[in-house]
Amino acid sequence: MVNLLPTQLQKRLTMLYFVRLLSAFLLLLSVSFFIGALFLIPAYFLASSDAKVQTAALSLTQEAVDKGENGGAAGTLAFYTERVSILKDYVHQPVVAQIFSTLTGNLPKGVSFNNIIVTPQSNTTGAITTAGVADTRDSLLTLVRALQGVSIFKGVSLPFSSLVSETNISFTLIFTYSLP
């Protein structure tokens, strides 16, 4: 289609079109900037209040440290008294640590545990669930026999589904423990 308007008028209309297009773009840009600023205001207030809380906590901690340093003999005595009372609670090796060391001590080559879950039922009894991967069926059977030989573990058995594969065997063992 042929434009019959004079060239001067065509240029002017083209210029007005681009000016209006730029104006619309700038208006959209300013509106989006304004909306973004409105959304940042609550975040600013939250961040500033969080900074005030952190500053107050830091100053309280610093005061507590300063008082502890200036406490002299009384502060040192209280510190060591607390440490001794903690050590009295742990006269014996914790149950979970003893079970972990027993389990990992009987771990044959080619077997690794992914999960070990200890569920205490009392101070000396509870349930253990282990999951892992064995390279071969023989290494898995060696693990089961070793755990059956440990006196604190009861009911160690291997599901038949774990014996289907010859290599790269995923297994789960569920058994109980009873400490003397």
C-alpha atoms as a PDB file:
ATOM      1  CA  MET A   1       0.000   0.000   0.000  1.00  0.00           C
ATOM      2  CA  VAL A   2       1.322   3.368  -1.002  1.00  0.00           C
ATOM      3  CA  ASN A   3       1.541   6.163   1.550  1.00  0.00           C
ATOM      4  CA  LEU A   4       0.221   9.334  -0.049  1.00  0.00           C
ATOM      5  CA  LEU A   5       1.205  11.666   2.819  1.00  0.00           C
ATOM      6  CA  PRO A   6       3.976  14.115   2.215  1.00  0.00           C
ATOM      7  CA  THR A   7       7.422  12.985   3.410  1.00  0.00           C
ATOM      8  CA  GLN A   8       7.634  15.743   5.999  1.00  0.00           C
ATOM      9  CA  LEU A   9       4.387  14.576   7.582  1.00  0.00           C
ATOM     10  CA  GLN A  10       5.458  10.915   7.385  1.00  0.00           C
ATOM     11  CA  LYS A  11       8.677  11.712   9.276  1.00  0.00           C
ATOM     12  CA  ARG A  12       6.767  13.684  11.870  1.00  0.00           C
ATOM     13  CA  LEU A  13       4.256  10.862  12.417  1.00  0.00           C
ATOM     14  CA  THR A  14       7.081   8.335  12.691  1.00  0.00           C
ATOM     15  CA  MET A  15       8.822  10.568  15.241  1.00  0.00           C
ATOM     16  CA  LEU A  16       5.607  10.963  17.257  1.00  0.00           C
ATOM     17  CA  TYR A  17       5.137   7.184  17.197  1.00  0.00           C
ATOM     18  CA  PHE A  18       8.613   6.557  18.623  1.00  0.00           C
ATOM     19  CA  VAL A  19       8.213   9.306  21.218  1.00  0.00           C
ATOM     20  CA  ARG A  20       4.937   7.759  22.392  1.00  0.00           C
ATOM     21  CA  LEU A  21       6.499   4.296  22.389  1.00  0.00           C
ATOM     22  CA  LEU A  22       9.412   5.600  24.511  1.00  0.00           C
ATOM     23  CA  SER A  23       6.977   7.373  26.839  1.00  0.00           C
ATOM     24  CA  ALA A  24       4.979   4.180  27.350  1.00  0.00           C
ATOM     25  CA  PHE A  25       8.187   2.232  28.031  1.00  0.00           C
ATOM     26  CA  LEU A  26       9.391   4.800  30.558  1.00  0.00           C
ATOM     27  CA  LEU A  27       5.993   4.812  32.247  1.00  0.00           C
ATOM     28  CA  LEU A  28       6.045   1.006  32.569  1.00  0.00           C
ATOM     29  CA  LEU A  29       9.619   1.149  33.850  1.00  0.00           C
ATOM     30  CA  SER A  30       8.770   3.750  36.492  1.00  0.00           C
ATOM     31  CA  VAL A  31       5.655   1.829  37.605  1.00  0.00           C
ATOM     32  CA  SER A  32       7.648  -1.403  37.939  1.00  0.00           C
ATOM     33  CA  PHE A  33      10.362   0.463  39.865  1.00  0.00           C
ATOM     34  CA  PHE A  34       7.732   1.927  42.207  1.00  0.00           C
ATOM     35  CA  ILE A  35       6.114  -1.473  42.799  1.00  0.00           C
ATOM     36  CA  GLY A  36       9.536  -3.014  43.456  1.00  0.00           C
ATOM     37  CA  ALA A  37      10.311  -0.284  45.963  1.00  0.00           C
ATOM     38  CA  LEU A  38       7.004  -0.936  47.719  1.00  0.00           C
ATOM     39  CA  PHE A  39       7.882  -4.607  48.050  1.00  0.00           C
ATOM     40  CA  LEU A  40      11.340  -3.785  49.426  1.00  0.00           C
ATOM     41  CA  ILE A  41      10.061  -1.573  52.238  1.00  0.00           C
ATOM     42  CA  PRO A  42       8.863  -4.446  54.480  1.00  0.00           C
ATOM     43  CA  ALA A  43      12.081  -6.340  53.814  1.00  0.00           C
ATOM     44  CA  TYR A  44      14.071  -3.273  54.860  1.00  0.00           C
ATOM     45  CA  PHE A  45      12.168  -2.974  58.142  1.00  0.00           C
ATOM     46  CA  LEU A  46      12.600  -6.688  58.865  1.00  0.00           C
ATOM     47  CA  ALA A  47      16.320  -6.532  58.136  1.00  0.00           C
ATOM     48  CA  SER A  48      16.825  -3.437  60.281  1.00  0.00           C
ATOM     49  CA  SER A  49      14.908  -4.948  63.227  1.00  0.00           C
ATOM     50  CA  ASP A  50      16.878  -8.191  62.853  1.00  0.00           C
ATOM     51  CA  ALA A  51      20.106  -6.182  62.861  1.00  0.00           C
ATOM     52  CA  LYS A  52      19.025  -4.434  66.071  1.00  0.00           C
ATOM     53  CA  VAL A  53      18.233  -7.771  67.723  1.00  0.00           C
ATOM     54  CA  GLN A  54      21.583  -9.213  66.644  1.00  0.00           C
ATOM     55  CA  THR A  55      23.406  -6.137  67.938  1.00  0.00           C
ATOM     56  CA  ALA A  56      21.622  -6.412  71.290  1.00  0.00           C
ATOM     57  CA  ALA A  57      22.441 -10.123  71.525  1.00  0.00           C
ATOM     58  CA  LEU A  58      26.076  -9.410  70.703  1.00  0.00           C
ATOM     59  CA  SER A  59      26.303  -6.744  73.384  1.00  0.00           C
ATOM     60  CA  LEU A  60      24.694  -9.053  75.974  1.00  0.00           C
ATOM     61  CA  THR A  61      27.093 -11.837  75.030  1.00  0.00           C
ATOM     62  CA  GLN A  62      30.032  -9.470  75.270  1.00  0.00           C
ATOM     63  CA  GLU A  63      28.865  -8.338  78.718  1.00  0.00           C
ATOM     64  CA  ALA A  64      28.552 -11.973  79.840  1.00  0.00           C
ATOM     65  CA  VAL A  65      32.063 -12.724  78.584  1.00  0.00           C
ATOM     66  CA  ASP A  66      33.433  -9.651  80.310  1.00  0.00           C
ATOM     67  CA  LYS A  67      31.764 -10.646  83.594  1.00  0.00           C
ATOM     68  CA  GLY A  68      33.147 -14.176  83.234  1.00  0.00           C
ATOM     69  CA  GLU A  69      36.661 -12.856  82.750  1.00  0.00           C
ATOM     70  CA  ASN A  70      36.355 -10.535  85.723  1.00  0.00           C
ATOM     71  CA  GLY A  71      34.728 -13.243  87.889  1.00  0.00           C
ATOM     72  CA  GLY A  72      38.101 -14.306  89.193  1.00  0.00           C
ATOM     73  CA  ALA A  73      38.305 -17.387  91.363  1.00  0.00           C
ATOM     74  CA  ALA A  74      34.543 -17.677  91.832  1.00  0.00           C
ATOM     75  CA  GLY A  75      33.945 -17.755  88.063  1.00  0.00           C
ATOM     76  CA  THR A  76      36.718 -20.283  87.503  1.00  0.00           C
ATOM     77  CA  LEU A  77      35.420 -22.476  90.339  1.00  0.00           C
ATOM     78  CA  ALA A  78      31.885 -22.409  88.891  1.00  0.00           C
ATOM     79  CA  PHE A  79      33.249 -23.302  85.457  1.00  0.00           C
ATOM     80  CA  TYR A  80      35.201 -26.319  86.720  1.00  0.00           C
ATOM     81  CA  THR A  81      32.328 -27.438  88.960  1.00  0.00           C
ATOM     82  CA  GLU A  82      30.073 -27.534  85.907  1.00  0.00           C
ATOM     83  CA  ARG A  83      32.682 -29.508  83.929  1.00  0.00           C
ATOM     84  CA  VAL A  84      33.045 -32.059  86.732  1.00  0.00           C
ATOM     85  CA  SER A  85      29.281 -32.545  86.944  1.00  0.00           C
ATOM     86  CA  ILE A  86      29.188 -33.182  83.178  1.00  0.00           C
ATOM     87  CA  LEU A  87      31.984 -35.743  83.488  1.00  0.00           C
ATOM     88  CA  LYS A  88      30.119 -37.517  86.302  1.00  0.00           C
ATOM     89  CA  ASP A  89      27.208 -38.055  83.927  1.00  0.00           C
ATOM     90  CA  TYR A  90      29.528 -39.850  81.506  1.00  0.00           C
ATOM     91  CA  VAL A  91      31.382 -42.232  83.795  1.00  0.00           C
ATOM     92  CA  HIS A  92      30.553 -45.067  81.403  1.00  0.00           C
ATOM     93  CA  GLN A  93      30.888 -44.974  77.644  1.00  0.00           C
ATOM     94  CA  PRO A  94      27.578 -43.799  76.128  1.00  0.00           C
ATOM     95  CA  VAL A  95      25.419 -46.655  74.842  1.00  0.00           C
ATOM     96  CA  VAL A  96      25.262 -45.425  71.259  1.00  0.00           C
ATOM     97  CA  ALA A  97      29.029 -44.986  71.045  1.00  0.00           C
ATOM     98  CA  GLN A  98      29.559 -48.502  72.401  1.00  0.00           C
ATOM     99  CA  ILE A  99      27.126 -49.940  69.815  1.00  0.00           C
ATOM    100  CA  PHE A 100      28.726 -48.013  66.955  1.00  0.00           C
ATOM    101  CA  SER A 101      32.206 -49.140  67.902  1.00  0.00           C
ATOM    102  CA  THR A 102      31.017 -52.761  68.153  1.00  0.00           C
ATOM    103  CA  LEU A 103      29.250 -52.581  64.773  1.00  0.00           C
ATOM    104  CA  THR A 104      32.131 -50.963  62.942  1.00  0.00           C
ATOM    105  CA  GLY A 105      34.662 -53.230  64.647  1.00  0.00           C
ATOM    106  CA  ASN A 106      32.958 -56.285  63.112  1.00  0.00           C
ATOM    107  CA  LEU A 107      32.677 -54.778  59.628  1.00  0.00           C
ATOM    108  CA  PRO A 108      34.343 -57.055  57.051  1.00  0.00           C
ATOM    109  CA  LYS A 109      36.066 -55.776  53.931  1.00  0.00           C
ATOM    110  CA  GLY A 110      33.622 -54.976  51.142  1.00  0.00           C
ATOM    111  CA  VAL A 111      30.708 -54.026  53.420  1.00  0.00           C
ATOM    112  CA  SER A 112      29.690 -50.479  54.267  1.00  0.00           C
ATOM    113  CA  PHE A 113      26.828 -49.063  56.296  1.00  0.00           C
ATOM    114  CA  ASN A 114      24.692 -46.256  54.876  1.00  0.00           C
ATOM    115  CA  ASN A 115      22.429 -45.913  57.934  1.00  0.00           C
ATOM    116  CA  ILE A 116      22.634 -47.047  61.530  1.00  0.00           C
ATOM    117  CA  ILE A 117      19.582 -46.279  63.647  1.00  0.00           C
ATOM    118  CA  VAL A 118      19.684 -47.043  67.373  1.00  0.00           C
ATOM    119  CA  THR A 119      16.327 -46.934  69.183  1.00  0.00           C
ATOM    120  CA  PRO A 120      16.831 -47.294  72.962  1.00  0.00           C
ATOM    121  CA  GLN A 121      14.003 -48.923  74.919  1.00  0.00           C
ATOM    122  CA  SER A 122      15.751 -48.621  78.284  1.00  0.00           C
ATOM    123  CA  ASN A 123      19.258 -47.819  79.518  1.00  0.00           C
ATOM    124  CA  THR A 124      20.573 -51.215  78.460  1.00  0.00           C
ATOM    125  CA  THR A 125      18.216 -52.532  75.749  1.00  0.00           C
ATOM    126  CA  GLY A 126      16.900 -51.354  72.424  1.00  0.00           C
ATOM    127  CA  ALA A 127      16.588 -51.994  68.705  1.00  0.00           C
ATOM    128  CA  ILE A 128      19.094 -51.420  65.908  1.00  0.00           C
ATOM    129  CA  THR A 129      18.337 -50.975  62.220  1.00  0.00           C
ATOM    130  CA  THR A 130      21.249 -50.946  59.808  1.00  0.00           C
ATOM    131  CA  ALA A 131      21.245 -50.486  56.057  1.00  0.00           C
ATOM    132  CA  GLY A 132      24.177 -50.725  53.724  1.00  0.00           C
ATOM    133  CA  VAL A 133      25.841 -52.222  50.687  1.00  0.00           C
ATOM    134  CA  ALA A 134      27.977 -55.361  50.416  1.00  0.00           C
ATOM    135  CA  ASP A 135      30.315 -56.045  47.497  1.00  0.00           C
ATOM    136  CA  THR A 136      29.643 -59.786  47.554  1.00  0.00           C
ATOM    137  CA  ARG A 137      27.245 -62.257  49.134  1.00  0.00           C
ATOM    138  CA  ASP A 138      30.123 -63.834  51.087  1.00  0.00           C
ATOM    139  CA  SER A 139      31.121 -60.518  52.697  1.00  0.00           C
ATOM    140  CA  LEU A 140      27.490 -59.948  53.722  1.00  0.00           C
ATOM    141  CA  LEU A 141      27.241 -63.420  55.257  1.00  0.00           C
ATOM    142  CA  THR A 142      30.546 -62.780  57.060  1.00  0.00           C
ATOM    143  CA  LEU A 143      29.056 -59.619  58.586  1.00  0.00           C
ATOM    144  CA  VAL A 144      25.912 -61.437  59.724  1.00  0.00           C
ATOM    145  CA  ARG A 145      27.946 -64.267  61.300  1.00  0.00           C
ATOM    146  CA  ALA A 146      30.216 -61.747  63.049  1.00  0.00           C
ATOM    147  CA  LEU A 147      27.232 -59.848  64.473  1.00  0.00           C
ATOM    148  CA  GLN A 148      25.610 -63.121  65.591  1.00  0.00           C
ATOM    149  CA  GLY A 149      28.826 -63.870  67.458  1.00  0.00           C
ATOM    150  CA  VAL A 150      28.638 -60.636  69.472  1.00  0.00           C
ATOM    151  CA  SER A 151      26.946 -61.342  72.817  1.00  0.00           C
ATOM    152  CA  ILE A 152      25.107 -58.016  73.109  1.00  0.00           C
ATOM    153  CA  PHE A 153      23.260 -58.439  69.771  1.00  0.00           C
ATOM    154  CA  LYS A 154      20.180 -60.662  69.651  1.00  0.00           C
ATOM    155  CA  GLY A 155      18.072 -61.776  66.690  1.00  0.00           C
ATOM    156  CA  VAL A 156      20.539 -60.897  63.940  1.00  0.00           C
ATOM    157  CA  SER A 157      19.193 -62.450  60.748  1.00  0.00           C
ATOM    158  CA  LEU A 158      19.409 -61.692  57.071  1.00  0.00           C
ATOM    159  CA  PRO A 159      16.282 -61.545  54.878  1.00  0.00           C
ATOM    160  CA  PHE A 160      16.379 -63.955  51.926  1.00  0.00           C
ATOM    161  CA  SER A 161      15.725 -61.063  49.555  1.00  0.00           C
ATOM    162  CA  SER A 162      19.212 -59.789  50.354  1.00  0.00           C
ATOM    163  CA  LEU A 163      20.760 -63.010  49.056  1.00  0.00           C
ATOM    164  CA  VAL A 164      19.259 -62.796  45.563  1.00  0.00           C
ATOM    165  CA  SER A 165      22.132 -60.841  44.030  1.00  0.00           C
ATOM    166  CA  GLU A 166      25.713 -62.086  43.919  1.00  0.00           C
ATOM    167  CA  THR A 167      27.361 -58.613  43.940  1.00  0.00           C
ATOM    168  CA  ASN A 168      26.492 -55.063  45.002  1.00  0.00           C
ATOM    169  CA  ILE A 169      23.889 -56.196  47.517  1.00  0.00           C
ATOM    170  CA  SER A 170      21.790 -53.613  49.325  1.00  0.00           C
ATOM    171  CA  PHE A 171      20.770 -54.950  52.718  1.00  0.00           C
ATOM    172  CA  THR A 172      18.838 -54.017  55.840  1.00  0.00           C
ATOM    173  CA  LEU A 173      19.362 -55.729  59.195  1.00  0.00           C
ATOM    174  CA  ILE A 174      17.009 -55.291  62.150  1.00  0.00           C
ATOM    175  CA  PHE A 175      17.997 -56.723  65.534  1.00  0.00           C
ATOM    176  CA  THR A 176      18.050 -55.911  69.234  1.00  0.00           C
ATOM    177  CA  TYR A 177      20.781 -55.228  71.751  1.00  0.00           C
ATOM    178  CA  SER A 178      21.084 -55.908  75.435  1.00  0.00           C
ATOM    179  CA  LEU A 179      24.028 -54.409  77.302  1.00  0.00           C
ATOM    180  CA  PRO A 180      25.274 -56.022  80.511  1.00  0.00           C
END
